[in-house]
Amino acid sequence: MILKTLAAAAAFACTLWLPAAAAVDNDAAVKLNKESGCTKCHSVDKAKKGPAYQKTAAKYKGKADGEAKLVDLLTKSPKVKMEDGSEEEHKAVATKDAAQVKNLAQWILAQ
């Protein structure tokens, strides 16, 4: 009986986790990333003018408000500190579609 309960709980936990992990549309995120000019300052694994996405993911991953902070950064054009210490206005992504922005934020967090 205990084994059946544990198996059911594990299966339920997997259903909660899998949709979130599978929800990222990599192709759409990469396309929006390029269309928005993000690759001018960022790459997945190397710092350019801005931090690598892996560094950004490490900063926000696992934090309750991590995705929301990334969405704000991607849409509100705040002042940001660059890798060289200078500050400039972060450009907003080339869409107002909340689902596309959320997908891009999730893609960054997955790096």
PDB file of N, CA and C in Angstrom:
ATOM      1  N   MET A   1       0.821  -1.196   0.000  1.00  0.00           N
ATOM      2  CA  MET A   1       0.000   0.000   0.000  1.00  0.00           C
ATOM      3  C   MET A   1       0.872   1.270   0.000  1.00  0.00           C
ATOM      4  N   ILE A   2       1.872   1.256   0.833  1.00  0.00           N
ATOM      5  CA  ILE A   2       2.770   2.422   0.911  1.00  0.00           C
ATOM      6  C   ILE A   2       3.478   2.609  -0.426  1.00  0.00           C
ATOM      7  N   LEU A   3       3.887   1.500  -1.048  1.00  0.00           N
ATOM      8  CA  LEU A   3       4.578   1.578  -2.324  1.00  0.00           C
ATOM      9  C   LEU A   3       3.685   2.184  -3.404  1.00  0.00           C
ATOM     10  N   LYS A   4       2.394   1.817  -3.424  1.00  0.00           N
ATOM     11  CA  LYS A   4       1.451   2.379  -4.387  1.00  0.00           C
ATOM     12  C   LYS A   4       1.274   3.874  -4.152  1.00  0.00           C
ATOM     13  N   THR A   5       1.213   4.272  -2.904  1.00  0.00           N
ATOM     14  CA  THR A   5       1.048   5.685  -2.560  1.00  0.00           C
ATOM     15  C   THR A   5       2.272   6.488  -3.001  1.00  0.00           C
ATOM     16  N   LEU A   6       3.453   5.940  -2.745  1.00  0.00           N
ATOM     17  CA  LEU A   6       4.681   6.624  -3.158  1.00  0.00           C
ATOM     18  C   LEU A   6       4.768   6.720  -4.675  1.00  0.00           C
ATOM     19  N   ALA A   7       4.398   5.647  -5.364  1.00  0.00           N
ATOM     20  CA  ALA A   7       4.432   5.666  -6.826  1.00  0.00           C
ATOM     21  C   ALA A   7       3.454   6.693  -7.377  1.00  0.00           C
ATOM     22  N   ALA A   8       2.274   6.777  -6.797  1.00  0.00           N
ATOM     23  CA  ALA A   8       1.282   7.755  -7.245  1.00  0.00           C
ATOM     24  C   ALA A   8       1.772   9.178  -6.978  1.00  0.00           C
ATOM     25  N   ALA A   9       2.370   9.387  -5.819  1.00  0.00           N
ATOM     26  CA  ALA A   9       2.887  10.720  -5.497  1.00  0.00           C
ATOM     27  C   ALA A   9       4.014  11.110  -6.445  1.00  0.00           C
ATOM     28  N   ALA A  10       4.894  10.155  -6.767  1.00  0.00           N
ATOM     29  CA  ALA A  10       5.995  10.440  -7.698  1.00  0.00           C
ATOM     30  C   ALA A  10       5.460  10.762  -9.089  1.00  0.00           C
ATOM     31  N   ALA A  11       4.474  10.011  -9.536  1.00  0.00           N
ATOM     32  CA  ALA A  11       3.880  10.266 -10.851  1.00  0.00           C
ATOM     33  C   ALA A  11       3.230  11.641 -10.890  1.00  0.00           C
ATOM     34  N   PHE A  12       2.533  12.008  -9.829  1.00  0.00           N
ATOM     35  CA  PHE A  12       1.902  13.322  -9.752  1.00  0.00           C
ATOM     36  C   PHE A  12       2.952  14.428  -9.770  1.00  0.00           C
ATOM     37  N   ALA A  13       4.018  14.242  -9.019  1.00  0.00           N
ATOM     38  CA  ALA A  13       5.082  15.249  -8.983  1.00  0.00           C
ATOM     39  C   ALA A  13       5.694  15.430 -10.372  1.00  0.00           C
ATOM     40  N   CYS A  14       5.856  14.343 -11.108  1.00  0.00           N
ATOM     41  CA  CYS A  14       6.411  14.439 -12.462  1.00  0.00           C
ATOM     42  C   CYS A  14       5.480  15.207 -13.386  1.00  0.00           C
ATOM     43  N   THR A  15       4.184  15.048 -13.224  1.00  0.00           N
ATOM     44  CA  THR A  15       3.255  15.788 -14.087  1.00  0.00           C
ATOM     45  C   THR A  15       3.321  17.276 -13.805  1.00  0.00           C
ATOM     46  N   LEU A  16       3.625  17.637 -12.589  1.00  0.00           N
ATOM     47  CA  LEU A  16       3.766  19.060 -12.264  1.00  0.00           C
ATOM     48  C   LEU A  16       5.049  19.627 -12.846  1.00  0.00           C
ATOM     49  N   TRP A  17       6.102  18.852 -12.864  1.00  0.00           N
ATOM     50  CA  TRP A  17       7.397  19.327 -13.311  1.00  0.00           C
ATOM     51  C   TRP A  17       7.520  19.316 -14.830  1.00  0.00           C
ATOM     52  N   LEU A  18       7.075  18.268 -15.473  1.00  0.00           N
ATOM     53  CA  LEU A  18       7.287  18.123 -16.910  1.00  0.00           C
ATOM     54  C   LEU A  18       6.691  19.228 -17.770  1.00  0.00           C
ATOM     55  N   PRO A  19       5.452  19.661 -17.563  1.00  0.00           N
ATOM     56  CA  PRO A  19       4.933  20.713 -18.437  1.00  0.00           C
ATOM     57  C   PRO A  19       5.769  21.990 -18.396  1.00  0.00           C
ATOM     58  N   ALA A  20       6.272  22.358 -17.240  1.00  0.00           N
ATOM     59  CA  ALA A  20       7.079  23.573 -17.140  1.00  0.00           C
ATOM     60  C   ALA A  20       8.393  23.407 -17.902  1.00  0.00           C
ATOM     61  N   ALA A  21       9.011  22.235 -17.775  1.00  0.00           N
ATOM     62  CA  ALA A  21      10.279  22.007 -18.450  1.00  0.00           C
ATOM     63  C   ALA A  21      10.081  21.897 -19.962  1.00  0.00           C
ATOM     64  N   ALA A  22       8.988  21.304 -20.376  1.00  0.00           N
ATOM     65  CA  ALA A  22       8.739  21.098 -21.797  1.00  0.00           C
ATOM     66  C   ALA A  22       8.120  22.329 -22.457  1.00  0.00           C
ATOM     67  N   ALA A  23       7.753  23.310 -21.686  1.00  0.00           N
ATOM     68  CA  ALA A  23       7.029  24.458 -22.204  1.00  0.00           C
ATOM     69  C   ALA A  23       7.896  25.403 -23.043  1.00  0.00           C
ATOM     70  N   VAL A  24       9.207  25.372 -22.873  1.00  0.00           N
ATOM     71  CA  VAL A  24      10.071  26.312 -23.590  1.00  0.00           C
ATOM     72  C   VAL A  24      10.153  25.936 -25.068  1.00  0.00           C
ATOM     73  N   ASP A  25       9.834  26.884 -25.914  1.00  0.00           N
ATOM     74  CA  ASP A  25       9.967  26.714 -27.367  1.00  0.00           C
ATOM     75  C   ASP A  25      11.318  27.311 -27.751  1.00  0.00           C
ATOM     76  N   ASN A  26      12.319  26.437 -27.855  1.00  0.00           N
ATOM     77  CA  ASN A  26      13.688  26.896 -28.131  1.00  0.00           C
ATOM     78  C   ASN A  26      13.797  27.694 -29.420  1.00  0.00           C
ATOM     79  N   ASP A  27      13.172  27.202 -30.480  1.00  0.00           N
ATOM     80  CA  ASP A  27      13.268  27.885 -31.772  1.00  0.00           C
ATOM     81  C   ASP A  27      12.698  29.296 -31.707  1.00  0.00           C
ATOM     82  N   ALA A  28      11.541  29.445 -31.054  1.00  0.00           N
ATOM     83  CA  ALA A  28      10.918  30.767 -30.928  1.00  0.00           C
ATOM     84  C   ALA A  28      11.775  31.698 -30.073  1.00  0.00           C
ATOM     85  N   ALA A  29      12.365  31.163 -29.011  1.00  0.00           N
ATOM     86  CA  ALA A  29      13.216  31.982 -28.140  1.00  0.00           C
ATOM     87  C   ALA A  29      14.463  32.460 -28.879  1.00  0.00           C
ATOM     88  N   VAL A  30      15.101  31.556 -29.614  1.00  0.00           N
ATOM     89  CA  VAL A  30      16.301  31.926 -30.367  1.00  0.00           C
ATOM     90  C   VAL A  30      15.957  32.962 -31.435  1.00  0.00           C
ATOM     91  N   LYS A  31      14.815  32.790 -32.098  1.00  0.00           N
ATOM     92  CA  LYS A  31      14.391  33.745 -33.131  1.00  0.00           C
ATOM     93  C   LYS A  31      14.153  35.129 -32.522  1.00  0.00           C
ATOM     94  N   LEU A  32      13.418  35.200 -31.411  1.00  0.00           N
ATOM     95  CA  LEU A  32      13.160  36.490 -30.761  1.00  0.00           C
ATOM     96  C   LEU A  32      14.461  37.099 -30.259  1.00  0.00           C
ATOM     97  N   ASN A  33      15.343  36.283 -29.720  1.00  0.00           N
ATOM     98  CA  ASN A  33      16.649  36.721 -29.241  1.00  0.00           C
ATOM     99  C   ASN A  33      17.423  37.418 -30.364  1.00  0.00           C
ATOM    100  N   LYS A  34      17.421  36.814 -31.547  1.00  0.00           N
ATOM    101  CA  LYS A  34      18.139  37.397 -32.691  1.00  0.00           C
ATOM    102  C   LYS A  34      17.427  38.629 -33.229  1.00  0.00           C
ATOM    103  N   GLU A  35      16.097  38.545 -33.392  1.00  0.00           N
ATOM    104  CA  GLU A  35      15.328  39.684 -33.919  1.00  0.00           C
ATOM    105  C   GLU A  35      15.446  40.914 -33.030  1.00  0.00           C
ATOM    106  N   SER A  36      15.614  40.698 -31.739  1.00  0.00           N
ATOM    107  CA  SER A  36      15.692  41.809 -30.781  1.00  0.00           C
ATOM    108  C   SER A  36      17.104  42.366 -30.646  1.00  0.00           C
ATOM    109  N   GLY A  37      18.056  41.757 -31.312  1.00  0.00           N
ATOM    110  CA  GLY A  37      19.434  42.247 -31.242  1.00  0.00           C
ATOM    111  C   GLY A  37      20.169  41.846 -29.975  1.00  0.00           C
ATOM    112  N   CYS A  38      19.634  40.881 -29.248  1.00  0.00           N
ATOM    113  CA  CYS A  38      20.247  40.465 -27.982  1.00  0.00           C
ATOM    114  C   CYS A  38      21.648  39.884 -28.173  1.00  0.00           C
ATOM    115  N   THR A  39      21.863  39.236 -29.331  1.00  0.00           N
ATOM    116  CA  THR A  39      23.150  38.588 -29.572  1.00  0.00           C
ATOM    117  C   THR A  39      24.289  39.597 -29.772  1.00  0.00           C
ATOM    118  N   LYS A  40      23.942  40.852 -29.922  1.00  0.00           N
ATOM    119  CA  LYS A  40      24.977  41.892 -30.020  1.00  0.00           C
ATOM    120  C   LYS A  40      25.759  41.983 -28.700  1.00  0.00           C
ATOM    121  N   CYS A  41      25.045  41.827 -27.586  1.00  0.00           N
ATOM    122  CA  CYS A  41      25.674  41.984 -26.273  1.00  0.00           C
ATOM    123  C   CYS A  41      25.755  40.692 -25.457  1.00  0.00           C
ATOM    124  N   HIS A  42      25.029  39.656 -25.871  1.00  0.00           N
ATOM    125  CA  HIS A  42      24.972  38.415 -25.085  1.00  0.00           C
ATOM    126  C   HIS A  42      25.224  37.192 -25.951  1.00  0.00           C
ATOM    127  N   SER A  43      25.748  36.142 -25.326  1.00  0.00           N
ATOM    128  CA  SER A  43      25.808  34.818 -25.946  1.00  0.00           C
ATOM    129  C   SER A  43      25.456  33.816 -24.849  1.00  0.00           C
ATOM    130  N   VAL A  44      25.317  32.582 -25.217  1.00  0.00           N
ATOM    131  CA  VAL A  44      24.935  31.573 -24.228  1.00  0.00           C
ATOM    132  C   VAL A  44      26.025  31.368 -23.201  1.00  0.00           C
ATOM    133  N   ASP A  45      27.273  31.228 -23.651  1.00  0.00           N
ATOM    134  CA  ASP A  45      28.319  30.812 -22.717  1.00  0.00           C
ATOM    135  C   ASP A  45      29.525  31.740 -22.590  1.00  0.00           C
ATOM    136  N   LYS A  46      29.509  32.856 -23.294  1.00  0.00           N
ATOM    137  CA  LYS A  46      30.642  33.785 -23.211  1.00  0.00           C
ATOM    138  C   LYS A  46      30.144  35.201 -22.947  1.00  0.00           C
ATOM    139  N   ALA A  47      30.855  35.892 -22.060  1.00  0.00           N
ATOM    140  CA  ALA A  47      30.525  37.289 -21.799  1.00  0.00           C
ATOM    141  C   ALA A  47      30.934  38.121 -23.000  1.00  0.00           C
ATOM    142  N   LYS A  48      30.071  39.014 -23.381  1.00  0.00           N
ATOM    143  CA  LYS A  48      30.381  40.006 -24.405  1.00  0.00           C
ATOM    144  C   LYS A  48      30.288  41.349 -23.702  1.00  0.00           C
ATOM    145  N   LYS A  49      29.554  42.272 -24.278  1.00  0.00           N
ATOM    146  CA  LYS A  49      29.306  43.551 -23.607  1.00  0.00           C
ATOM    147  C   LYS A  49      28.435  43.311 -22.373  1.00  0.00           C
ATOM    148  N   GLY A  50      27.521  42.346 -22.492  1.00  0.00           N
ATOM    149  CA  GLY A  50      26.668  41.931 -21.376  1.00  0.00           C
ATOM    150  C   GLY A  50      27.038  40.527 -20.943  1.00  0.00           C
ATOM    151  N   PRO A  51      26.459  40.062 -19.857  1.00  0.00           N
ATOM    152  CA  PRO A  51      26.811  38.729 -19.342  1.00  0.00           C
ATOM    153  C   PRO A  51      26.300  37.603 -20.244  1.00  0.00           C
ATOM    154  N   ALA A  52      26.963  36.463 -20.155  1.00  0.00           N
ATOM    155  CA  ALA A  52      26.500  35.258 -20.840  1.00  0.00           C
ATOM    156  C   ALA A  52      25.171  34.829 -20.222  1.00  0.00           C
ATOM    157  N   TYR A  53      24.325  34.205 -21.038  1.00  0.00           N
ATOM    158  CA  TYR A  53      23.040  33.731 -20.521  1.00  0.00           C
ATOM    159  C   TYR A  53      23.225  32.713 -19.399  1.00  0.00           C
ATOM    160  N   GLN A  54      24.294  31.928 -19.451  1.00  0.00           N
ATOM    161  CA  GLN A  54      24.550  30.969 -18.380  1.00  0.00           C
ATOM    162  C   GLN A  54      24.772  31.690 -17.050  1.00  0.00           C
ATOM    163  N   LYS A  55      25.452  32.816 -17.086  1.00  0.00           N
ATOM    164  CA  LYS A  55      25.684  33.603 -15.864  1.00  0.00           C
ATOM    165  C   LYS A  55      24.363  34.199 -15.370  1.00  0.00           C
ATOM    166  N   THR A  56      23.557  34.697 -16.296  1.00  0.00           N
ATOM    167  CA  THR A  56      22.252  35.255 -15.934  1.00  0.00           C
ATOM    168  C   THR A  56      21.353  34.170 -15.345  1.00  0.00           C
ATOM    169  N   ALA A  57      21.363  32.992 -15.969  1.00  0.00           N
ATOM    170  CA  ALA A  57      20.558  31.878 -15.469  1.00  0.00           C
ATOM    171  C   ALA A  57      20.987  31.497 -14.055  1.00  0.00           C
ATOM    172  N   ALA A  58      22.284  31.434 -13.817  1.00  0.00           N
ATOM    173  CA  ALA A  58      22.787  31.082 -12.488  1.00  0.00           C
ATOM    174  C   ALA A  58      22.345  32.111 -11.446  1.00  0.00           C
ATOM    175  N   LYS A  59      22.267  33.356 -11.839  1.00  0.00           N
ATOM    176  CA  LYS A  59      21.859  34.431 -10.914  1.00  0.00           C
ATOM    177  C   LYS A  59      20.393  34.310 -10.512  1.00  0.00           C
ATOM    178  N   TYR A  60      19.510  33.952 -11.466  1.00  0.00           N
ATOM    179  CA  TYR A  60      18.072  33.961 -11.222  1.00  0.00           C
ATOM    180  C   TYR A  60      17.434  32.592 -11.014  1.00  0.00           C
ATOM    181  N   LYS A  61      18.092  31.530 -11.453  1.00  0.00           N
ATOM    182  CA  LYS A  61      17.510  30.192 -11.388  1.00  0.00           C
ATOM    183  C   LYS A  61      17.211  29.794  -9.943  1.00  0.00           C
ATOM    184  N   GLY A  62      16.032  29.249  -9.736  1.00  0.00           N
ATOM    185  CA  GLY A  62      15.645  28.773  -8.414  1.00  0.00           C
ATOM    186  C   GLY A  62      15.074  29.842  -7.502  1.00  0.00           C
ATOM    187  N   LYS A  63      15.102  31.091  -7.929  1.00  0.00           N
ATOM    188  CA  LYS A  63      14.531  32.171  -7.126  1.00  0.00           C
ATOM    189  C   LYS A  63      13.062  32.331  -7.504  1.00  0.00           C
ATOM    190  N   ALA A  64      12.223  32.529  -6.516  1.00  0.00           N
ATOM    191  CA  ALA A  64      10.782  32.628  -6.749  1.00  0.00           C
ATOM    192  C   ALA A  64      10.434  33.736  -7.738  1.00  0.00           C
ATOM    193  N   ASP A  65      11.168  34.828  -7.703  1.00  0.00           N
ATOM    194  CA  ASP A  65      10.873  35.959  -8.585  1.00  0.00           C
ATOM    195  C   ASP A  65      11.855  36.062  -9.756  1.00  0.00           C
ATOM    196  N   GLY A  66      12.643  35.021  -9.986  1.00  0.00           N
ATOM    197  CA  GLY A  66      13.664  35.060 -11.031  1.00  0.00           C
ATOM    198  C   GLY A  66      13.104  35.303 -12.418  1.00  0.00           C
ATOM    199  N   GLU A  67      12.064  34.548 -12.775  1.00  0.00           N
ATOM    200  CA  GLU A  67      11.475  34.717 -14.097  1.00  0.00           C
ATOM    201  C   GLU A  67      10.851  36.103 -14.235  1.00  0.00           C
ATOM    202  N   ALA A  68      10.165  36.563 -13.217  1.00  0.00           N
ATOM    203  CA  ALA A  68       9.531  37.886 -13.259  1.00  0.00           C
ATOM    204  C   ALA A  68      10.583  38.991 -13.407  1.00  0.00           C
ATOM    205  N   LYS A  69      11.707  38.854 -12.727  1.00  0.00           N
ATOM    206  CA  LYS A  69      12.772  39.859 -12.851  1.00  0.00           C
ATOM    207  C   LYS A  69      13.346  39.879 -14.265  1.00  0.00           C
ATOM    208  N   LEU A  70      13.508  38.692 -14.859  1.00  0.00           N
ATOM    209  CA  LEU A  70      13.990  38.641 -16.242  1.00  0.00           C
ATOM    210  C   LEU A  70      12.990  39.272 -17.197  1.00  0.00           C
ATOM    211  N   VAL A  71      11.710  38.992 -17.010  1.00  0.00           N
ATOM    212  CA  VAL A  71      10.673  39.587 -17.867  1.00  0.00           C
ATOM    213  C   VAL A  71      10.735  41.104 -17.765  1.00  0.00           C
ATOM    214  N   ASP A  72      10.879  41.639 -16.557  1.00  0.00           N
ATOM    215  CA  ASP A  72      11.008  43.088 -16.392  1.00  0.00           C
ATOM    216  C   ASP A  72      12.234  43.619 -17.132  1.00  0.00           C
ATOM    217  N   LEU A  73      13.344  42.924 -16.987  1.00  0.00           N
ATOM    218  CA  LEU A  73      14.575  43.338 -17.654  1.00  0.00           C
ATOM    219  C   LEU A  73      14.403  43.333 -19.171  1.00  0.00           C
ATOM    220  N   LEU A  74      13.662  42.368 -19.680  1.00  0.00           N
ATOM    221  CA  LEU A  74      13.470  42.233 -21.120  1.00  0.00           C
ATOM    222  C   LEU A  74      12.457  43.215 -21.696  1.00  0.00           C
ATOM    223  N   THR A  75      11.610  43.792 -20.851  1.00  0.00           N
ATOM    224  CA  THR A  75      10.517  44.621 -21.368  1.00  0.00           C
ATOM    225  C   THR A  75      10.531  46.076 -20.922  1.00  0.00           C
ATOM    226  N   LYS A  76      11.216  46.406 -19.844  1.00  0.00           N
ATOM    227  CA  LYS A  76      11.105  47.755 -19.279  1.00  0.00           C
ATOM    228  C   LYS A  76      12.313  48.658 -19.504  1.00  0.00           C
ATOM    229  N   SER A  77      13.316  48.186 -20.190  1.00  0.00           N
ATOM    230  CA  SER A  77      14.510  48.987 -20.504  1.00  0.00           C
ATOM    231  C   SER A  77      15.140  49.674 -19.294  1.00  0.00           C
ATOM    232  N   PRO A  78      15.464  48.915 -18.246  1.00  0.00           N
ATOM    233  CA  PRO A  78      16.112  49.547 -17.085  1.00  0.00           C
ATOM    234  C   PRO A  78      17.591  49.826 -17.356  1.00  0.00           C
ATOM    235  N   LYS A  79      18.201  50.631 -16.512  1.00  0.00           N
ATOM    236  CA  LYS A  79      19.650  50.832 -16.565  1.00  0.00           C
ATOM    237  C   LYS A  79      20.296  49.560 -16.022  1.00  0.00           C
ATOM    238  N   VAL A  80      21.316  49.076 -16.725  1.00  0.00           N
ATOM    239  CA  VAL A  80      22.027  47.872 -16.299  1.00  0.00           C
ATOM    240  C   VAL A  80      23.527  48.124 -16.303  1.00  0.00           C
ATOM    241  N   LYS A  81      24.222  47.383 -15.456  1.00  0.00           N
ATOM    242  CA  LYS A  81      25.671  47.479 -15.385  1.00  0.00           C
ATOM    243  C   LYS A  81      26.254  46.470 -16.366  1.00  0.00           C
ATOM    244  N   MET A  82      27.132  46.944 -17.229  1.00  0.00           N
ATOM    245  CA  MET A  82      27.742  46.104 -18.243  1.00  0.00           C
ATOM    246  C   MET A  82      28.963  45.387 -17.660  1.00  0.00           C
ATOM    247  N   GLU A  83      29.475  44.424 -18.396  1.00  0.00           N
ATOM    248  CA  GLU A  83      30.629  43.646 -17.946  1.00  0.00           C
ATOM    249  C   GLU A  83      31.853  44.530 -17.682  1.00  0.00           C
ATOM    250  N   ASP A  84      31.970  45.648 -18.420  1.00  0.00           N
ATOM    251  CA  ASP A  84      33.119  46.540 -18.236  1.00  0.00           C
ATOM    252  C   ASP A  84      32.900  47.567 -17.122  1.00  0.00           C
ATOM    253  N   GLY A  85      31.729  47.474 -16.443  1.00  0.00           N
ATOM    254  CA  GLY A  85      31.437  48.377 -15.337  1.00  0.00           C
ATOM    255  C   GLY A  85      30.624  49.597 -15.723  1.00  0.00           C
ATOM    256  N   SER A  86      30.501  49.872 -17.007  1.00  0.00           N
ATOM    257  CA  SER A  86      29.698  51.015 -17.450  1.00  0.00           C
ATOM    258  C   SER A  86      28.210  50.693 -17.295  1.00  0.00           C
ATOM    259  N   GLU A  87      27.386  51.708 -17.372  1.00  0.00           N
ATOM    260  CA  GLU A  87      25.940  51.517 -17.294  1.00  0.00           C
ATOM    261  C   GLU A  87      25.286  52.028 -18.567  1.00  0.00           C
ATOM    262  N   GLU A  88      24.232  51.330 -18.978  1.00  0.00           N
ATOM    263  CA  GLU A  88      23.447  51.803 -20.109  1.00  0.00           C
ATOM    264  C   GLU A  88      22.038  51.238 -20.002  1.00  0.00           C
ATOM    265  N   GLU A  89      21.156  51.791 -20.812  1.00  0.00           N
ATOM    266  CA  GLU A  89      19.778  51.334 -20.830  1.00  0.00           C
ATOM    267  C   GLU A  89      19.696  50.011 -21.572  1.00  0.00           C
ATOM    268  N   HIS A  90      19.109  49.003 -20.934  1.00  0.00           N
ATOM    269  CA  HIS A  90      18.929  47.698 -21.571  1.00  0.00           C
ATOM    270  C   HIS A  90      17.796  47.814 -22.575  1.00  0.00           C
ATOM    271  N   LYS A  91      18.022  47.400 -23.798  1.00  0.00           N
ATOM    272  CA  LYS A  91      16.983  47.486 -24.825  1.00  0.00           C
ATOM    273  C   LYS A  91      15.900  46.447 -24.582  1.00  0.00           C
ATOM    274  N   ALA A  92      14.656  46.819 -24.851  1.00  0.00           N
ATOM    275  CA  ALA A  92      13.519  45.906 -24.713  1.00  0.00           C
ATOM    276  C   ALA A  92      13.470  44.967 -25.914  1.00  0.00           C
ATOM    277  N   VAL A  93      12.901  43.789 -25.700  1.00  0.00           N
ATOM    278  CA  VAL A  93      12.762  42.831 -26.798  1.00  0.00           C
ATOM    279  C   VAL A  93      11.769  43.345 -27.831  1.00  0.00           C
ATOM    280  N   ALA A  94      11.846  42.769 -29.035  1.00  0.00           N
ATOM    281  CA  ALA A  94      11.060  43.244 -30.173  1.00  0.00           C
ATOM    282  C   ALA A  94       9.661  42.638 -30.227  1.00  0.00           C
ATOM    283  N   THR A  95       9.001  42.535 -29.088  1.00  0.00           N
ATOM    284  CA  THR A  95       7.613  42.061 -29.054  1.00  0.00           C
ATOM    285  C   THR A  95       6.931  42.567 -27.795  1.00  0.00           C
ATOM    286  N   LYS A  96       5.623  42.693 -27.884  1.00  0.00           N
ATOM    287  CA  LYS A  96       4.818  43.041 -26.714  1.00  0.00           C
ATOM    288  C   LYS A  96       4.035  41.815 -26.244  1.00  0.00           C
ATOM    289  N   ASP A  97       4.191  40.691 -26.956  1.00  0.00           N
ATOM    290  CA  ASP A  97       3.489  39.449 -26.645  1.00  0.00           C
ATOM    291  C   ASP A  97       4.065  38.836 -25.366  1.00  0.00           C
ATOM    292  N   ALA A  98       3.271  38.841 -24.306  1.00  0.00           N
ATOM    293  CA  ALA A  98       3.726  38.357 -23.002  1.00  0.00           C
ATOM    294  C   ALA A  98       4.167  36.898 -23.044  1.00  0.00           C
ATOM    295  N   ALA A  99       3.507  36.078 -23.834  1.00  0.00           N
ATOM    296  CA  ALA A  99       3.867  34.659 -23.920  1.00  0.00           C
ATOM    297  C   ALA A  99       5.243  34.490 -24.562  1.00  0.00           C
ATOM    298  N   GLN A 100       5.546  35.296 -25.575  1.00  0.00           N
ATOM    299  CA  GLN A 100       6.861  35.220 -26.222  1.00  0.00           C
ATOM    300  C   GLN A 100       7.963  35.693 -25.280  1.00  0.00           C
ATOM    301  N   VAL A 101       7.690  36.738 -24.519  1.00  0.00           N
ATOM    302  CA  VAL A 101       8.683  37.260 -23.575  1.00  0.00           C
ATOM    303  C   VAL A 101       8.916  36.228 -22.467  1.00  0.00           C
ATOM    304  N   LYS A 102       7.841  35.644 -21.964  1.00  0.00           N
ATOM    305  CA  LYS A 102       7.973  34.617 -20.923  1.00  0.00           C
ATOM    306  C   LYS A 102       8.764  33.427 -21.447  1.00  0.00           C
ATOM    307  N   ASN A 103       8.506  33.017 -22.686  1.00  0.00           N
ATOM    308  CA  ASN A 103       9.243  31.913 -23.280  1.00  0.00           C
ATOM    309  C   ASN A 103      10.734  32.242 -23.356  1.00  0.00           C
ATOM    310  N   LEU A 104      11.067  33.472 -23.759  1.00  0.00           N
ATOM    311  CA  LEU A 104      12.475  33.883 -23.829  1.00  0.00           C
ATOM    312  C   LEU A 104      13.107  33.864 -22.438  1.00  0.00           C
ATOM    313  N   ALA A 105      12.401  34.361 -21.443  1.00  0.00           N
ATOM    314  CA  ALA A 105      12.926  34.349 -20.069  1.00  0.00           C
ATOM    315  C   ALA A 105      13.167  32.911 -19.606  1.00  0.00           C
ATOM    316  N   GLN A 106      12.234  32.016 -19.891  1.00  0.00           N
ATOM    317  CA  GLN A 106      12.398  30.616 -19.511  1.00  0.00           C
ATOM    318  C   GLN A 106      13.564  29.985 -20.263  1.00  0.00           C
ATOM    319  N   TRP A 107      13.746  30.361 -21.528  1.00  0.00           N
ATOM    320  CA  TRP A 107      14.869  29.843 -22.303  1.00  0.00           C
ATOM    321  C   TRP A 107      16.185  30.293 -21.687  1.00  0.00           C
ATOM    322  N   ILE A 108      16.271  31.551 -21.289  1.00  0.00           N
ATOM    323  CA  ILE A 108      17.500  32.056 -20.638  1.00  0.00           C
ATOM    324  C   ILE A 108      17.764  31.286 -19.355  1.00  0.00           C
ATOM    325  N   LEU A 109      16.718  31.078 -18.564  1.00  0.00           N
ATOM    326  CA  LEU A 109      16.885  30.348 -17.305  1.00  0.00           C
ATOM    327  C   LEU A 109      17.311  28.903 -17.519  1.00  0.00           C
ATOM    328  N   ALA A 110      17.014  28.355 -18.678  1.00  0.00           N
ATOM    329  CA  ALA A 110      17.370  26.966 -18.974  1.00  0.00           C
ATOM    330  C   ALA A 110      18.817  26.805 -19.459  1.00  0.00           C
ATOM    331  N   GLN A 111      19.525  27.906 -19.632  1.00  0.00           N
ATOM    332  CA  GLN A 111      20.895  27.826 -20.155  1.00  0.00           C
ATOM    333  C   GLN A 111      21.864  27.361 -19.086  1.00  0.00           C
TER     334      GLN A 111
END
